Every structure is written in structure tokens, then in C-alpha cells.
Amino acid sequence: VGNGLSSHIWPGFGYASLYERACEDGILVGGDRALFTASATENFESVLGALAVSIRTLQALEDPAAARLRTRYLRIQATLGMAVRAVHMPLRALPARTRALLRRTLRDYQCVFTTSYDLLLYWCAGYGASFDGFTDFFFCNEHLEFDPAKTTVDPGVTRLLYLHGALHLIIDADGVTCKRRSRGASLLAQFGHQHETETLTRPL
């Protein structure tokens, strides 16, 4: 499943790139934009990952520049969140009938691979307040981490695999990949913001 499905349901998903959207909207400017140019990339995760390494290095050396880089990191992360929310459909715009139909269709398959990082399939799999019949392998411990040693699931369960990552998946400062909980706010609203217990997390 790719962006064609998402764009069919919500035309806003047909954007060229989040980087272009952030530049056009004037929310990625100055030195923050220069980091993308210097790295010859439009990939937010790559820039955030590089900044996270620099911040940890400077912190280890007790260099005060770490604080300035952390401020830049949080600003770029917030910019990514704004760009995503500008193009992503809100859950209330996804009809219940569509969610139910897609959920039933997905359950016809043993494995569903998606190249889309949006929340569309996740919302449909969880329609009816239950993810029964689905797994995405983010079920280890209270942090909902992925553990490659624990991938055995019951027969008949549909495996939902995010080949390009997804908005609700994050990498923490230790490099551990896990799934966000709603924490009283929608996953879309949380994207681009760090919870008080998270340090230098970045989207997968």
C-alpha cells in the first residue's frame, strides 16, 4: 500500500515533499534551512539524527554549545510537526464507513506493507477502539518498543509493517524504536513535540 491510497482518500497527501512545504510556508528558514543545504538532503530525520549526535558529543565534552544545538533541534522538530499537520487529514475527516471498510480489507491479508508514513492505516486498523487481529510488532514492555527477538504472533493475525516508518513511531536518544501512546492528545497533535519524559526523540 502506498501514497496512492492515502491521496485518494485525502488529496492533501499529494504534496511534493515536507521540506518544500515547510520552505513555501516560511516555517523553515535561516540557519535551520542551511543545515539541510549543507547535508544535501530534504530529509528531516537525517538532519535531526545528525544534530542529536552532535548534541550528545558536546554534552559529553561539557561544551555549552550543546544547549544552542538543542534549541535548534527542537525548532526543526517543531517545524516538521507543523508541515505534517498542514498536509495530514484530521481523524474527524475520515468517515467511519471508510475506516470500517479498510479495516475489513486489511484483515484479508497476512502481511500488509505500507510505504506511507501517515496515520491512515493505523487509524483504520484500530477502528472500533480495538486493534484485535493486527500487530505492528511494537508490543514489548510498557514503552511499546520493537524487539527483533520477539516477533512471534498468533496465526491469523495481520502484520502491519511500516517500510518508511510512521508518524506514531519514534526513536529515542538511546536508538530504541517505539510507538507513541495518545497521552490524552491525538497522535497527530503530538507529532513534532516532545513529551517531558522524552529527550531528543525523533520521528521514524
Protein backbone atom coordinates (compact mmCIF):
# COMPACT_ATOMS: atom_id res chain seq x y z
CA VAL A 1 0.00 0.00 0.00
CA GLY A 2 1.44 3.38 -0.97
CA ASN A 3 0.65 7.06 -1.06
CA GLY A 4 -1.89 6.46 -3.85
CA LEU A 5 -4.40 5.13 -1.35
CA SER A 6 -3.78 7.99 1.06
CA SER A 7 -4.09 10.61 -1.70
CA HIS A 8 -7.30 9.01 -2.95
CA ILE A 9 -8.87 9.44 0.48
CA TRP A 10 -7.29 12.83 1.29
CA PRO A 11 -5.92 14.97 -1.60
CA GLY A 12 -3.62 16.84 0.79
CA PHE A 13 -1.36 13.78 0.92
CA GLY A 14 -0.34 14.52 -2.66
CA TYR A 15 2.29 17.11 -1.66
CA ALA A 16 5.74 17.11 -3.30
CA SER A 17 7.76 16.98 -0.06
CA LEU A 18 7.50 18.14 3.53
CA TYR A 19 10.72 20.10 3.09
CA GLU A 20 9.25 22.06 0.17
CA ARG A 21 6.04 22.64 2.10
CA ALA A 22 7.97 23.94 5.12
CA CYS A 23 10.00 26.28 2.89
CA GLU A 24 6.94 27.53 0.98
CA ASP A 25 5.08 28.20 4.24
CA GLY A 26 8.07 30.13 5.58
CA ILE A 27 8.46 27.95 8.66
CA LEU A 28 11.88 26.55 7.73
CA VAL A 29 14.27 29.47 7.34
CA GLY A 30 17.74 30.78 8.07
CA GLY A 31 20.29 28.56 9.77
CA ASP A 32 17.81 25.72 10.14
CA ARG A 33 17.33 25.56 6.38
CA ALA A 34 21.09 25.88 5.87
CA LEU A 35 21.60 22.58 7.70
CA PHE A 36 19.55 20.80 5.03
CA THR A 37 21.52 22.51 2.27
CA ALA A 38 24.87 21.64 3.87
CA SER A 39 23.84 17.99 4.17
CA ALA A 40 22.40 17.94 0.62
CA THR A 41 19.16 16.46 1.93
CA GLU A 42 15.47 17.28 2.33
CA ASN A 43 15.08 14.55 4.95
CA PHE A 44 14.12 15.90 8.38
CA GLU A 45 15.04 12.67 10.16
CA SER A 46 18.59 12.77 8.77
CA VAL A 47 19.14 16.33 9.97
CA LEU A 48 17.61 15.63 13.37
CA GLY A 49 19.71 12.47 13.72
CA ALA A 50 22.92 14.38 12.93
CA LEU A 51 22.01 17.10 15.41
CA ALA A 52 21.28 14.52 18.12
CA VAL A 53 24.76 13.01 17.69
CA SER A 54 26.35 16.47 17.88
CA ILE A 55 24.38 17.36 20.99
CA ARG A 56 25.38 14.17 22.80
CA THR A 57 29.03 14.73 21.84
CA LEU A 58 29.03 18.33 23.09
CA GLN A 59 27.25 17.32 26.29
CA ALA A 60 29.91 14.68 26.95
CA LEU A 61 32.57 17.38 26.49
CA GLU A 62 30.55 19.75 28.72
CA ASP A 63 30.51 22.27 25.90
CA PRO A 64 27.84 24.98 26.38
CA ALA A 65 27.15 24.91 22.62
CA ALA A 66 25.07 21.78 23.29
CA ALA A 67 22.25 23.94 24.65
CA ARG A 68 22.14 26.06 21.47
CA LEU A 69 22.05 22.98 19.28
CA ARG A 70 19.28 21.50 21.40
CA THR A 71 17.22 24.67 20.84
CA ARG A 72 17.78 24.33 17.10
CA TYR A 73 16.89 20.62 17.25
CA LEU A 74 13.58 21.36 18.97
CA ARG A 75 12.79 24.15 16.49
CA ILE A 76 13.41 21.90 13.46
CA GLN A 77 11.38 19.14 15.05
CA ALA A 78 8.52 21.57 15.66
CA THR A 79 8.80 22.76 12.04
CA LEU A 80 8.44 19.17 10.84
CA GLY A 81 5.35 18.82 13.03
CA MET A 82 3.78 21.94 11.56
CA ALA A 83 4.48 20.78 8.00
CA VAL A 84 2.96 17.36 8.67
CA ARG A 85 -0.14 18.77 10.31
CA ALA A 86 -0.57 21.15 7.34
CA VAL A 87 -0.98 18.24 4.91
CA HIS A 88 -2.35 15.42 7.10
CA MET A 89 -6.06 14.77 7.31
CA PRO A 90 -7.67 15.06 10.75
CA LEU A 91 -9.22 11.89 12.14
CA ARG A 92 -12.66 13.52 12.19
CA ALA A 93 -12.45 13.87 8.38
CA LEU A 94 -12.06 10.10 7.92
CA PRO A 95 -15.58 8.63 7.63
CA ALA A 96 -16.43 5.67 9.87
CA ARG A 97 -17.60 3.74 6.82
CA THR A 98 -14.19 4.18 5.17
CA ARG A 99 -12.35 3.09 8.32
CA ALA A 100 -14.53 0.00 8.67
CA LEU A 101 -14.15 -0.95 5.01
CA LEU A 102 -10.37 -0.56 5.03
CA ARG A 103 -10.12 -2.50 8.29
CA ARG A 104 -12.03 -5.43 6.80
CA THR A 105 -9.94 -5.30 3.62
CA LEU A 106 -6.63 -5.27 5.52
CA ARG A 107 -7.73 -8.30 7.55
CA ASP A 108 -7.89 -10.33 4.32
CA TYR A 109 -4.08 -10.32 4.24
CA GLN A 110 -1.40 -11.97 6.36
CA CYS A 111 1.04 -9.10 5.79
CA VAL A 112 0.40 -5.51 4.78
CA PHE A 113 3.44 -3.46 3.78
CA THR A 114 2.99 0.29 3.60
CA THR A 115 5.33 2.91 2.21
CA SER A 116 3.15 5.70 3.62
CA TYR A 117 4.08 7.18 6.99
CA ASP A 118 0.69 8.79 7.62
CA LEU A 119 -1.77 7.58 10.25
CA LEU A 120 -4.45 6.38 7.82
CA LEU A 121 -3.85 2.61 8.07
CA TYR A 122 -3.17 2.81 11.81
CA TRP A 123 -6.48 4.59 12.37
CA CYS A 124 -8.31 2.02 10.23
CA ALA A 125 -6.67 -0.97 11.94
CA GLY A 126 -7.77 0.43 15.28
CA TYR A 127 -11.31 1.24 14.23
CA GLY A 128 -13.80 0.29 16.92
CA ALA A 129 -11.30 1.07 19.69
CA SER A 130 -9.57 -2.26 19.19
CA PHE A 131 -6.53 -3.46 17.27
CA ASP A 132 -7.63 -7.10 17.60
CA GLY A 133 -6.43 -9.10 14.63
CA PHE A 134 -3.48 -6.77 13.90
CA THR A 135 0.11 -6.42 15.05
CA ASP A 136 2.85 -3.97 14.14
CA PHE A 137 5.42 -5.66 16.43
CA PHE A 138 5.61 -2.67 18.77
CA PHE A 139 4.37 -4.51 21.83
CA CYS A 140 7.38 -5.02 24.11
CA ASN A 141 7.23 -3.64 27.68
CA GLU A 142 5.44 -0.51 28.88
CA HIS A 143 7.25 1.64 26.31
CA LEU A 144 5.80 -0.33 23.36
CA GLU A 145 9.27 -0.96 21.96
CA PHE A 146 10.24 -3.08 18.98
CA ASP A 147 12.37 -6.10 19.88
CA PRO A 148 13.65 -8.10 16.88
CA ALA A 149 13.91 -11.15 19.14
CA LYS A 150 10.17 -11.07 19.82
CA THR A 151 8.32 -11.26 16.53
CA THR A 152 6.19 -14.38 17.00
CA VAL A 153 2.47 -13.69 16.62
CA ASP A 154 -0.63 -15.86 16.63
CA PRO A 155 -1.91 -17.41 13.38
CA GLY A 156 -4.48 -15.34 11.53
CA VAL A 157 -3.10 -12.01 12.73
CA THR A 158 -2.47 -9.34 10.10
CA ARG A 159 1.05 -7.96 10.29
CA LEU A 160 1.14 -4.23 9.55
CA LEU A 161 4.67 -3.22 8.50
CA TYR A 162 5.73 0.40 8.03
CA LEU A 163 8.56 0.28 5.50
CA HIS A 164 9.25 4.04 5.71
CA GLY A 165 8.38 4.50 9.37
CA ALA A 166 5.25 6.29 10.55
CA LEU A 167 4.12 9.37 12.47
CA HIS A 168 3.38 7.39 15.63
CA LEU A 169 6.80 5.68 15.69
CA ILE A 170 9.82 7.33 17.30
CA ILE A 171 13.49 6.65 18.02
CA ASP A 172 14.63 7.65 21.49
CA ALA A 173 18.01 9.06 22.48
CA ASP A 174 19.36 5.52 23.00
CA GLY A 175 18.39 4.45 19.48
CA VAL A 176 15.41 2.35 20.63
CA THR A 177 12.40 2.38 18.31
CA CYS A 178 8.99 2.51 20.00
CA LYS A 179 5.39 3.55 19.50
CA ARG A 180 3.76 6.65 20.97
CA ARG A 181 0.68 6.49 23.12
CA SER A 182 -2.03 9.11 22.76
CA ARG A 183 -1.48 10.54 26.28
CA GLY A 184 -4.76 12.42 26.12
CA ALA A 185 -3.78 14.20 22.89
CA SER A 186 -4.12 12.82 19.39
CA LEU A 187 -1.05 11.26 17.80
CA LEU A 188 -1.21 13.88 15.07
CA ALA A 189 -1.26 16.72 17.62
CA GLN A 190 1.73 15.20 19.43
CA PHE A 191 3.85 14.86 16.32
CA GLY A 192 6.75 17.32 16.37
CA HIS A 193 6.51 17.86 20.12
CA GLN A 194 8.49 16.12 22.82
CA HIS A 195 6.84 14.80 25.94
CA GLU A 196 8.50 15.89 29.18
CA THR A 197 9.86 12.36 29.69
CA GLU A 198 11.41 12.19 26.21
CA THR A 199 14.88 13.50 25.41
CA LEU A 200 15.98 14.10 21.84
CA THR A 201 13.46 11.68 20.36
CA ARG A 202 12.97 11.90 16.62
CA PRO A 203 10.37 10.50 14.26
CA LEU A 204 10.98 7.20 12.48
